[in-house]
C-alpha atoms as a PDB file:
ATOM      1  CA  MET A   1      10.054  -4.045  -3.732  1.00  0.00           C
ATOM      2  CA  LYS A   2      11.539  -4.170  -0.286  1.00  0.00           C
ATOM      3  CA  ILE A   3       8.093  -4.383   1.295  1.00  0.00           C
ATOM      4  CA  LEU A   4       7.437  -7.627  -0.576  1.00  0.00           C
ATOM      5  CA  GLN A   5      10.506  -9.550   0.571  1.00  0.00           C
ATOM      6  CA  TRP A   6       8.772 -12.483   2.097  1.00  0.00           C
ATOM      7  CA  GLY A   7       9.484 -14.392   5.208  1.00  0.00           C
ATOM      8  CA  ASP A   8       8.477 -12.078   7.999  1.00  0.00           C
ATOM      9  CA  TYR A   9       8.031  -9.079   5.711  1.00  0.00           C
ATOM     10  CA  ASP A  10       6.962  -6.685   8.394  1.00  0.00           C
ATOM     11  CA  SER A  11      10.410  -6.878   9.986  1.00  0.00           C
ATOM     12  CA  HIS A  12      12.047  -5.590   6.790  1.00  0.00           C
ATOM     13  CA  THR A  13      10.247  -2.263   6.585  1.00  0.00           C
ATOM     14  CA  THR A  14       9.007   0.249   9.093  1.00  0.00           C
ATOM     15  CA  ASP A  15       5.497   1.636   9.060  1.00  0.00           C
ATOM     16  CA  LEU A  16       6.948   4.978   7.986  1.00  0.00           C
ATOM     17  CA  GLU A  17       8.743   3.365   5.014  1.00  0.00           C
ATOM     18  CA  VAL A  18       5.531   1.688   3.860  1.00  0.00           C
ATOM     19  CA  ASN A  19       3.556   4.917   4.227  1.00  0.00           C
ATOM     20  CA  THR A  20       6.261   6.943   2.461  1.00  0.00           C
ATOM     21  CA  LEU A  21       6.352   4.562  -0.488  1.00  0.00           C
ATOM     22  CA  VAL A  22       2.576   4.795  -0.922  1.00  0.00           C
ATOM     23  CA  TRP A  23       2.694   8.587  -0.498  1.00  0.00           C
ATOM     24  CA  LYS A  24       5.313   8.915  -3.240  1.00  0.00           C
ATOM     25  CA  CYS A  25       3.317   6.700  -5.590  1.00  0.00           C
ATOM     26  CA  LEU A  26       0.223   8.816  -4.927  1.00  0.00           C
ATOM     27  CA  GLY A  27       2.243  11.893  -5.919  1.00  0.00           C
ATOM     28  CA  TYR A  28       3.170  13.469  -2.599  1.00  0.00           C
ATOM     29  CA  ARG A  29       6.682  14.967  -2.632  1.00  0.00           C
ATOM     30  CA  PHE A  30       8.798  16.051   0.324  1.00  0.00           C
ATOM     31  CA  VAL A  31      10.065  19.522  -0.563  1.00  0.00           C
ATOM     32  CA  GLU A  32      11.806  21.984   1.726  1.00  0.00           C
ATOM     33  CA  GLY A  33      10.876  20.208   4.934  1.00  0.00           C
ATOM     34  CA  ARG A  34       7.197  19.583   4.174  1.00  0.00           C
ATOM     35  CA  TRP A  35       4.983  17.418   1.984  1.00  0.00           C
ATOM     36  CA  ASN A  36       3.796  18.958  -1.284  1.00  0.00           C
ATOM     37  CA  ASN A  37       0.673  17.540  -2.951  1.00  0.00           C
ATOM     38  CA  GLN A  38       0.861  19.245  -6.366  1.00  0.00           C
ATOM     39  CA  GLU A  39       1.709  15.992  -8.181  1.00  0.00           C
ATOM     40  CA  CYS A  40      -0.951  13.921  -6.362  1.00  0.00           C
ATOM     41  CA  PHE A  41      -3.848  12.306  -8.091  1.00  0.00           C
ATOM     42  CA  PRO A  42      -6.527  15.037  -8.002  1.00  0.00           C
ATOM     43  CA  ASN A  43      -8.995  13.123  -5.819  1.00  0.00           C
ATOM     44  CA  TRP A  44      -6.297  12.367  -3.263  1.00  0.00           C
ATOM     45  CA  ARG A  45      -5.090  15.953  -3.230  1.00  0.00           C
ATOM     46  CA  GLU A  46      -8.639  17.111  -2.516  1.00  0.00           C
ATOM     47  CA  LYS A  47      -9.472  14.548   0.165  1.00  0.00           C
ATOM     48  CA  TYR A  48      -6.017  14.351   1.750  1.00  0.00           C
ATOM     49  CA  PRO A  49      -4.050  17.619   1.399  1.00  0.00           C
ATOM     50  CA  ASP A  50      -1.417  16.070   3.690  1.00  0.00           C
ATOM     51  CA  PRO A  51      -0.336  12.453   3.271  1.00  0.00           C
ATOM     52  CA  PRO A  52      -2.457  10.209   5.516  1.00  0.00           C
ATOM     53  CA  ASP A  53      -1.181   7.450   7.768  1.00  0.00           C
ATOM     54  CA  PHE A  54      -2.368   4.281   6.006  1.00  0.00           C
ATOM     55  CA  ILE A  55      -1.050   1.877   8.630  1.00  0.00           C
ATOM     56  CA  GLY A  56      -1.708   3.401  12.041  1.00  0.00           C
ATOM     57  CA  MET A  57       1.884   4.109  12.999  1.00  0.00           C
ATOM     58  CA  GLN A  58       0.904   4.843  16.602  1.00  0.00           C
ATOM     59  CA  ARG A  59      -0.471   1.302  16.874  1.00  0.00           C
ATOM     60  CA  VAL A  60      -3.254   2.567  19.092  1.00  0.00           C
ATOM     61  CA  TYR A  61      -6.461   1.049  17.793  1.00  0.00           C
ATOM     62  CA  SER A  62      -9.045   2.986  19.771  1.00  0.00           C
ATOM     63  CA  LYS A  63     -11.689   4.496  17.517  1.00  0.00           C
ATOM     64  CA  GLU A  64     -10.714   8.094  18.260  1.00  0.00           C
ATOM     65  CA  VAL A  65      -7.032   7.581  17.434  1.00  0.00           C
ATOM     66  CA  ASP A  66      -7.262   4.968  14.683  1.00  0.00           C
ATOM     67  CA  ASN A  67     -10.277   6.091  12.646  1.00  0.00           C
ATOM     68  CA  PRO A  68      -8.358   8.461  10.283  1.00  0.00           C
ATOM     69  CA  SER A  69      -5.836   5.708   9.424  1.00  0.00           C
ATOM     70  CA  LEU A  70      -8.575   3.139   8.955  1.00  0.00           C
ATOM     71  CA  ARG A  71     -10.553   5.442   6.638  1.00  0.00           C
ATOM     72  CA  ALA A  72      -7.442   6.357   4.612  1.00  0.00           C
ATOM     73  CA  ASN A  73      -6.547   2.684   4.177  1.00  0.00           C
ATOM     74  CA  GLN A  74     -10.111   1.865   3.133  1.00  0.00           C
ATOM     75  CA  ALA A  75     -10.052   4.710   0.600  1.00  0.00           C
ATOM     76  CA  LEU A  76      -6.775   3.366  -0.807  1.00  0.00           C
ATOM     77  CA  CYS A  77      -8.220  -0.154  -1.114  1.00  0.00           C
ATOM     78  CA  LYS A  78     -11.318   1.149  -2.888  1.00  0.00           C
ATOM     79  CA  THR A  79      -9.106   2.417  -5.709  1.00  0.00           C
ATOM     80  CA  ILE A  80      -7.980  -1.129  -6.516  1.00  0.00           C
ATOM     81  CA  PRO A  81     -10.181  -2.698  -9.227  1.00  0.00           C
ATOM     82  CA  LEU A  82     -11.844  -5.999  -8.397  1.00  0.00           C
ATOM     83  CA  GLY A  83      -9.523  -7.937 -10.714  1.00  0.00           C
ATOM     84  CA  ASN A  84      -6.462  -6.727  -8.796  1.00  0.00           C
ATOM     85  CA  LYS A  85      -7.683  -7.339  -5.236  1.00  0.00           C
ATOM     86  CA  GLN A  86      -5.671 -10.580  -4.885  1.00  0.00           C
ATOM     87  CA  SER A  87      -2.444  -9.340  -6.499  1.00  0.00           C
ATOM     88  CA  LEU A  88      -0.349  -9.730  -3.361  1.00  0.00           C
ATOM     89  CA  LYS A  89      -1.367 -13.336  -2.877  1.00  0.00           C
ATOM     90  CA  SER A  90      -0.842 -14.255  -6.535  1.00  0.00           C
ATOM     91  CA  HIS A  91       2.557 -12.527  -6.712  1.00  0.00           C
ATOM     92  CA  LEU A  92       3.832 -14.167  -3.544  1.00  0.00           C
ATOM     93  CA  ARG A  93       2.488 -17.653  -4.270  1.00  0.00           C
ATOM     94  CA  SER A  94       5.747 -18.540  -6.059  1.00  0.00           C
ATOM     95  CA  TYR A  95       7.594 -17.713  -2.813  1.00  0.00           C
ATOM     96  CA  GLY A  96       5.433 -20.140  -0.865  1.00  0.00           C
ATOM     97  CA  PHE A  97       2.933 -17.610   0.489  1.00  0.00           C
ATOM     98  CA  THR A  98      -0.533 -19.105   0.784  1.00  0.00           C
ATOM     99  CA  GLY A  99      -2.195 -16.266   2.645  1.00  0.00           C
ATOM    100  CA  PHE A 100      -2.562 -15.304   6.254  1.00  0.00           C
ATOM    101  CA  LYS A 101      -4.228 -17.455   8.841  1.00  0.00           C
ATOM    102  CA  LEU A 102      -6.850 -15.679  10.906  1.00  0.00           C
ATOM    103  CA  ASP A 103      -4.807 -15.879  14.107  1.00  0.00           C
ATOM    104  CA  GLN A 104      -1.873 -14.170  12.338  1.00  0.00           C
ATOM    105  CA  LEU A 105      -3.818 -11.064  11.400  1.00  0.00           C
ATOM    106  CA  THR A 106      -3.414  -7.803  13.239  1.00  0.00           C
ATOM    107  CA  PRO A 107      -4.618  -4.376  12.107  1.00  0.00           C
ATOM    108  CA  ASN A 108      -1.007  -3.485  11.326  1.00  0.00           C
ATOM    109  CA  LYS A 109      -0.310  -6.600   9.249  1.00  0.00           C
ATOM    110  CA  THR A 110      -3.621  -6.319   7.417  1.00  0.00           C
ATOM    111  CA  ARG A 111      -3.022  -2.689   6.481  1.00  0.00           C
ATOM    112  CA  ARG A 112       0.563  -3.373   5.411  1.00  0.00           C
ATOM    113  CA  ALA A 113      -0.682  -6.156   3.141  1.00  0.00           C
ATOM    114  CA  GLN A 114      -3.338  -3.827   1.708  1.00  0.00           C
ATOM    115  CA  CYS A 115      -0.684  -1.178   1.037  1.00  0.00           C
ATOM    116  CA  ALA A 116       1.543  -3.786  -0.610  1.00  0.00           C
ATOM    117  CA  ASN A 117      -1.386  -4.919  -2.753  1.00  0.00           C
ATOM    118  CA  TRP A 118      -2.058  -1.305  -3.800  1.00  0.00           C
ATOM    119  CA  LEU A 119       1.639  -0.839  -4.643  1.00  0.00           C
ATOM    120  CA  LEU A 120       1.484  -3.888  -6.920  1.00  0.00           C
ATOM    121  CA  TYR A 121      -1.612  -2.461  -8.601  1.00  0.00           C
ATOM    122  CA  TYR A 122       0.159   0.891  -8.989  1.00  0.00           C
ATOM    123  CA  ARG A 123       3.276  -0.732 -10.451  1.00  0.00           C
ATOM    124  CA  GLU A 124       1.333  -2.798 -12.975  1.00  0.00           C
ATOM    125  CA  ASN A 125      -1.393  -0.357 -13.986  1.00  0.00           C
ATOM    126  CA  LEU A 126      -0.594   3.245 -13.083  1.00  0.00           C
ATOM    127  CA  TYR A 127       3.174   3.750 -13.051  1.00  0.00           C
ATOM    128  CA  GLY A 128       4.460   5.865 -15.914  1.00  0.00           C
ATOM    129  CA  PHE A 129       1.084   7.245 -16.990  1.00  0.00           C
ATOM    130  CA  THR A 130      -0.194  10.782 -16.570  1.00  0.00           C
ATOM    131  CA  VAL A 131      -3.596  11.430 -15.030  1.00  0.00           C
ATOM    132  CA  GLU A 132      -4.848  12.438 -18.487  1.00  0.00           C
ATOM    133  CA  GLU A 133      -3.646   9.153 -20.011  1.00  0.00           C
ATOM    134  CA  LEU A 134      -5.328   7.195 -17.218  1.00  0.00           C
ATOM    135  CA  ARG A 135      -8.580   9.069 -17.777  1.00  0.00           C
ATOM    136  CA  GLU A 136      -8.412   8.360 -21.521  1.00  0.00           C
ATOM    137  CA  ARG A 137      -7.791   4.677 -20.783  1.00  0.00           C
ATOM    138  CA  ARG A 138     -10.823   4.583 -18.456  1.00  0.00           C
ATOM    139  CA  VAL A 139     -13.047   6.185 -21.108  1.00  0.00           C
ATOM    140  CA  LYS A 140     -11.872   3.636 -23.703  1.00  0.00           C
ATOM    141  CA  GLU A 141     -12.498   0.758 -21.291  1.00  0.00           C
ATOM    142  CA  GLN A 142     -15.997   2.040 -20.526  1.00  0.00           C
ATOM    143  CA  GLU A 143     -16.725   2.420 -24.248  1.00  0.00           C
ATOM    144  CA  GLU A 144     -15.513  -1.134 -24.844  1.00  0.00           C
ATOM    145  CA  VAL A 145     -17.814  -2.459 -22.108  1.00  0.00           C
ATOM    146  CA  LYS A 146     -20.771  -0.599 -23.643  1.00  0.00           C
ATOM    147  CA  ARG A 147     -19.893  -1.926 -27.105  1.00  0.00           C
ATOM    148  CA  LYS A 148     -19.776  -5.515 -25.812  1.00  0.00           C
ATOM    149  CA  GLU A 149     -23.066  -5.058 -23.950  1.00  0.00           C
ATOM    150  CA  LYS A 150     -24.664  -3.761 -27.117  1.00  0.00           C
ATOM    151  CA  GLU A 151     -23.361  -6.752 -29.103  1.00  0.00           C
ATOM    152  CA  ASP A 152     -24.581  -9.182 -26.435  1.00  0.00           C
ATOM    153  CA  GLY A 153     -27.953  -7.472 -26.135  1.00  0.00           C
ATOM    154  CA  THR A 154     -27.389  -6.767 -22.441  1.00  0.00           C
ATOM    155  CA  GLU A 155     -27.118  -3.000 -22.786  1.00  0.00           C
ATOM    156  CA  GLY A 156     -28.734  -1.134 -19.913  1.00  0.00           C
ATOM    157  CA  GLU A 157     -29.473  -4.261 -17.853  1.00  0.00           C
ATOM    158  CA  TRP A 158     -28.833  -4.023 -14.147  1.00  0.00           C
ATOM    159  CA  LYS A 159     -25.907  -6.083 -12.961  1.00  0.00           C
ATOM    160  CA  PRO A 160     -24.868  -6.835  -9.401  1.00  0.00           C
ATOM    161  CA  PRO A 161     -21.732  -4.916  -8.437  1.00  0.00           C
ATOM    162  CA  PHE A 162     -19.773  -8.101  -7.786  1.00  0.00           C
ATOM    163  CA  LYS A 163     -19.213 -11.301  -9.669  1.00  0.00           C
ATOM    164  CA  PRO A 164     -21.270 -14.146  -8.196  1.00  0.00           C
ATOM    165  CA  VAL A 165     -19.399 -16.749  -6.166  1.00  0.00           C
ATOM    166  CA  VAL A 166     -19.687 -20.179  -7.691  1.00  0.00           C
END
């Protein structure tokens, strides 16, 4: 993936290229001069009939201008399961990437990294599957969790939404 060429990765791709790659993976298609959402994941098609700006291409971070981009990026990140939240860091570790330092972070860099992380999740878990197949997989995974809970005697117990930090 061009977006993941490390070094100074944000100089290799424009904001529009990053957005377009995410849009295509979500199912948006550019047809006859406009974006078509018929192949989008249903929830995205409903919430975002037109492809949203995930990065903030205007690079104006006032609340009025930036809020739609911020919300779209947050919605994208929420679709990444907990176990895949650190995919970017783990994939780039072999290239010497150890993470960003706080003083290196900008809204643009943060959102690009979040888009790259989502693209890795898409490539490893969603690419090549239909929405129906993904739904079937989710049902099977939920059934497996319930089966394990029943075996362990923890069925129906409340669990915190996150794994505890040790």
